[in-house]
Amino acid sequence: MKELVEVIAKSLVDYPDEVVVTETTDNDTVTIELKVAPDDMGKVIGKQGRIAKSIRTVVKAAASKGDKKVIVDIK
């Protein structure tokens, strides 16, 4: 999942070198934290959060095979 979020984020931003994705796993939850440059925050979130919602939808669809819940946190 981490690689998927990283590829999507790097394709959206102007500063792909500043994209940092970390993944932490609890019992049945995977939290993916996405950090981008302040100038790129709007590009990752999108108008009314549409791009952020789309990223979360794609990740949840990719994680549907497993039994774990995936949370994408954009900072």
N, C-alpha and C. Protein backbone atom coordinates (compact mmCIF):
# COMPACT_ATOMS: atom_id res chain seq x y z
N MET A 1 0.81 -1.19 0.00
CA MET A 1 0.00 0.00 0.00
C MET A 1 0.86 1.26 0.00
N LYS A 2 1.96 1.20 0.72
CA LYS A 2 2.84 2.35 0.83
C LYS A 2 3.34 2.78 -0.55
N GLU A 3 3.73 1.82 -1.35
CA GLU A 3 4.24 2.13 -2.69
C GLU A 3 3.17 2.73 -3.58
N LEU A 4 1.95 2.24 -3.44
CA LEU A 4 0.83 2.75 -4.23
C LEU A 4 0.58 4.22 -3.93
N VAL A 5 0.51 4.57 -2.66
CA VAL A 5 0.28 5.96 -2.26
C VAL A 5 1.44 6.84 -2.73
N GLU A 6 2.65 6.32 -2.63
CA GLU A 6 3.83 7.09 -3.03
C GLU A 6 3.82 7.39 -4.53
N VAL A 7 3.47 6.41 -5.34
CA VAL A 7 3.42 6.60 -6.80
C VAL A 7 2.35 7.62 -7.17
N ILE A 8 1.18 7.50 -6.55
CA ILE A 8 0.09 8.44 -6.85
C ILE A 8 0.48 9.85 -6.45
N ALA A 9 1.02 10.00 -5.25
CA ALA A 9 1.37 11.34 -4.75
C ALA A 9 2.47 11.98 -5.59
N LYS A 10 3.49 11.21 -5.94
CA LYS A 10 4.60 11.76 -6.73
C LYS A 10 4.15 12.20 -8.11
N SER A 11 3.12 11.57 -8.65
CA SER A 11 2.64 11.96 -9.97
C SER A 11 1.80 13.23 -9.92
N LEU A 12 1.33 13.61 -8.74
CA LEU A 12 0.47 14.79 -8.60
C LEU A 12 1.24 16.07 -8.28
N VAL A 13 2.37 15.96 -7.60
CA VAL A 13 3.02 17.14 -7.02
C VAL A 13 4.12 17.72 -7.92
N ASP A 14 4.53 18.95 -7.57
CA ASP A 14 5.64 19.61 -8.28
C ASP A 14 6.99 19.22 -7.69
N TYR A 15 7.01 18.84 -6.42
CA TYR A 15 8.25 18.48 -5.73
C TYR A 15 8.19 17.02 -5.28
N PRO A 16 8.37 16.08 -6.21
CA PRO A 16 8.24 14.66 -5.85
C PRO A 16 9.31 14.17 -4.87
N ASP A 17 10.44 14.88 -4.77
CA ASP A 17 11.49 14.46 -3.84
C ASP A 17 11.08 14.68 -2.39
N GLU A 18 10.10 15.55 -2.15
CA GLU A 18 9.68 15.86 -0.78
C GLU A 18 8.49 15.00 -0.32
N VAL A 19 8.08 14.05 -1.13
CA VAL A 19 6.99 13.16 -0.74
C VAL A 19 7.53 12.09 0.20
N VAL A 20 6.92 11.98 1.38
CA VAL A 20 7.34 10.99 2.36
C VAL A 20 6.10 10.19 2.76
N VAL A 21 6.18 8.87 2.63
CA VAL A 21 5.08 7.99 2.99
C VAL A 21 5.57 7.02 4.06
N THR A 22 4.85 6.99 5.18
CA THR A 22 5.18 6.03 6.24
C THR A 22 3.97 5.15 6.51
N GLU A 23 4.25 3.91 6.85
CA GLU A 23 3.19 2.94 7.08
C GLU A 23 3.38 2.31 8.46
N THR A 24 2.33 2.37 9.27
CA THR A 24 2.36 1.73 10.58
C THR A 24 1.20 0.74 10.67
N THR A 25 1.46 -0.37 11.32
CA THR A 25 0.47 -1.43 11.41
C THR A 25 0.13 -1.71 12.86
N ASP A 26 -1.15 -1.68 13.19
CA ASP A 26 -1.64 -2.09 14.49
C ASP A 26 -2.27 -3.47 14.32
N ASN A 27 -3.10 -3.87 15.24
CA ASN A 27 -3.71 -5.20 15.19
C ASN A 27 -4.41 -5.49 13.87
N ASP A 28 -5.42 -4.70 13.54
CA ASP A 28 -6.16 -4.92 12.30
C ASP A 28 -6.29 -3.64 11.49
N THR A 29 -5.41 -2.67 11.74
CA THR A 29 -5.46 -1.39 11.05
C THR A 29 -4.08 -1.03 10.51
N VAL A 30 -4.05 -0.58 9.26
CA VAL A 30 -2.83 -0.08 8.64
C VAL A 30 -3.03 1.42 8.43
N THR A 31 -2.14 2.23 8.99
CA THR A 31 -2.21 3.68 8.82
C THR A 31 -1.08 4.12 7.90
N ILE A 32 -1.45 4.78 6.81
CA ILE A 32 -0.48 5.28 5.85
C ILE A 32 -0.49 6.80 5.97
N GLU A 33 0.66 7.37 6.32
CA GLU A 33 0.78 8.81 6.50
C GLU A 33 1.54 9.39 5.31
N LEU A 34 0.92 10.38 4.66
CA LEU A 34 1.50 11.01 3.48
C LEU A 34 1.87 12.44 3.81
N LYS A 35 3.15 12.77 3.62
CA LYS A 35 3.61 14.15 3.85
C LYS A 35 4.15 14.68 2.53
N VAL A 36 3.73 15.92 2.18
CA VAL A 36 4.19 16.56 0.95
C VAL A 36 4.66 17.97 1.30
N ALA A 37 5.29 18.63 0.33
CA ALA A 37 5.73 20.01 0.52
C ALA A 37 4.50 20.90 0.72
N PRO A 38 4.63 21.96 1.50
CA PRO A 38 3.48 22.85 1.74
C PRO A 38 2.87 23.41 0.45
N ASP A 39 3.69 23.67 -0.55
CA ASP A 39 3.17 24.18 -1.82
C ASP A 39 2.34 23.15 -2.58
N ASP A 40 2.57 21.88 -2.32
CA ASP A 40 1.88 20.80 -3.02
C ASP A 40 0.63 20.30 -2.29
N MET A 41 0.37 20.81 -1.10
CA MET A 41 -0.74 20.31 -0.30
C MET A 41 -2.07 20.44 -1.04
N GLY A 42 -2.29 21.55 -1.71
CA GLY A 42 -3.54 21.76 -2.45
C GLY A 42 -3.71 20.78 -3.59
N LYS A 43 -2.61 20.40 -4.21
CA LYS A 43 -2.69 19.46 -5.34
C LYS A 43 -3.06 18.06 -4.86
N VAL A 44 -2.61 17.70 -3.67
CA VAL A 44 -2.90 16.37 -3.14
C VAL A 44 -4.32 16.30 -2.58
N ILE A 45 -4.78 17.41 -2.00
CA ILE A 45 -6.13 17.42 -1.43
C ILE A 45 -7.18 17.66 -2.51
N GLY A 46 -6.94 18.60 -3.40
CA GLY A 46 -7.88 18.90 -4.48
C GLY A 46 -9.04 19.75 -4.02
N LYS A 47 -9.83 20.18 -4.98
CA LYS A 47 -11.00 21.00 -4.67
C LYS A 47 -12.00 20.18 -3.87
N GLN A 48 -12.39 20.71 -2.74
CA GLN A 48 -13.34 20.07 -1.83
C GLN A 48 -12.90 18.65 -1.43
N GLY A 49 -11.59 18.41 -1.46
CA GLY A 49 -11.07 17.12 -1.02
C GLY A 49 -11.28 15.97 -1.98
N ARG A 50 -11.55 16.27 -3.22
CA ARG A 50 -11.87 15.20 -4.18
C ARG A 50 -10.69 14.29 -4.47
N ILE A 51 -9.50 14.85 -4.63
CA ILE A 51 -8.34 14.02 -4.94
C ILE A 51 -7.97 13.17 -3.73
N ALA A 52 -8.02 13.76 -2.54
CA ALA A 52 -7.73 12.99 -1.32
C ALA A 52 -8.72 11.84 -1.17
N LYS A 53 -9.97 12.10 -1.44
CA LYS A 53 -10.98 11.05 -1.35
C LYS A 53 -10.72 9.96 -2.39
N SER A 54 -10.30 10.36 -3.57
CA SER A 54 -9.99 9.38 -4.62
C SER A 54 -8.81 8.51 -4.24
N ILE A 55 -7.78 9.12 -3.64
CA ILE A 55 -6.61 8.34 -3.19
C ILE A 55 -7.05 7.32 -2.16
N ARG A 56 -7.87 7.75 -1.21
CA ARG A 56 -8.35 6.83 -0.17
C ARG A 56 -9.18 5.69 -0.77
N THR A 57 -9.99 6.02 -1.78
CA THR A 57 -10.82 5.00 -2.43
C THR A 57 -9.97 3.96 -3.14
N VAL A 58 -8.95 4.40 -3.85
CA VAL A 58 -8.06 3.48 -4.57
C VAL A 58 -7.33 2.57 -3.59
N VAL A 59 -6.84 3.15 -2.49
CA VAL A 59 -6.10 2.36 -1.50
C VAL A 59 -7.03 1.34 -0.83
N LYS A 60 -8.24 1.74 -0.51
CA LYS A 60 -9.19 0.81 0.11
C LYS A 60 -9.55 -0.32 -0.85
N ALA A 61 -9.67 0.00 -2.13
CA ALA A 61 -9.96 -1.04 -3.11
C ALA A 61 -8.79 -2.02 -3.23
N ALA A 62 -7.58 -1.50 -3.19
CA ALA A 62 -6.41 -2.37 -3.28
C ALA A 62 -6.26 -3.22 -2.02
N ALA A 63 -6.73 -2.71 -0.88
CA ALA A 63 -6.60 -3.44 0.38
C ALA A 63 -7.78 -4.35 0.65
N SER A 64 -8.74 -4.39 -0.23
CA SER A 64 -9.95 -5.16 0.03
C SER A 64 -9.69 -6.67 0.09
N LYS A 65 -8.59 -7.13 -0.46
CA LYS A 65 -8.27 -8.56 -0.41
C LYS A 65 -7.91 -9.00 1.00
N GLY A 66 -7.27 -8.09 1.76
CA GLY A 66 -6.86 -8.43 3.12
C GLY A 66 -7.97 -8.14 4.11
N ASP A 67 -7.74 -8.53 5.35
CA ASP A 67 -8.73 -8.32 6.40
C ASP A 67 -8.48 -7.04 7.18
N LYS A 68 -7.47 -6.27 6.79
CA LYS A 68 -7.10 -5.08 7.55
C LYS A 68 -7.77 -3.83 7.02
N LYS A 69 -8.06 -2.91 7.92
CA LYS A 69 -8.62 -1.62 7.56
C LYS A 69 -7.46 -0.68 7.27
N VAL A 70 -7.56 0.10 6.19
CA VAL A 70 -6.48 0.99 5.79
C VAL A 70 -6.95 2.42 5.94
N ILE A 71 -6.13 3.24 6.62
CA ILE A 71 -6.42 4.65 6.80
C ILE A 71 -5.32 5.45 6.14
N VAL A 72 -5.67 6.41 5.28
CA VAL A 72 -4.70 7.28 4.64
C VAL A 72 -4.81 8.64 5.31
N ASP A 73 -3.71 9.09 5.90
CA ASP A 73 -3.66 10.36 6.61
C ASP A 73 -2.72 11.31 5.86
N ILE A 74 -3.24 12.44 5.42
CA ILE A 74 -2.46 13.41 4.65
C ILE A 74 -2.06 14.55 5.56
N LYS A 75 -0.75 14.80 5.64
CA LYS A 75 -0.24 15.87 6.51
C LYS A 75 0.66 16.78 5.74
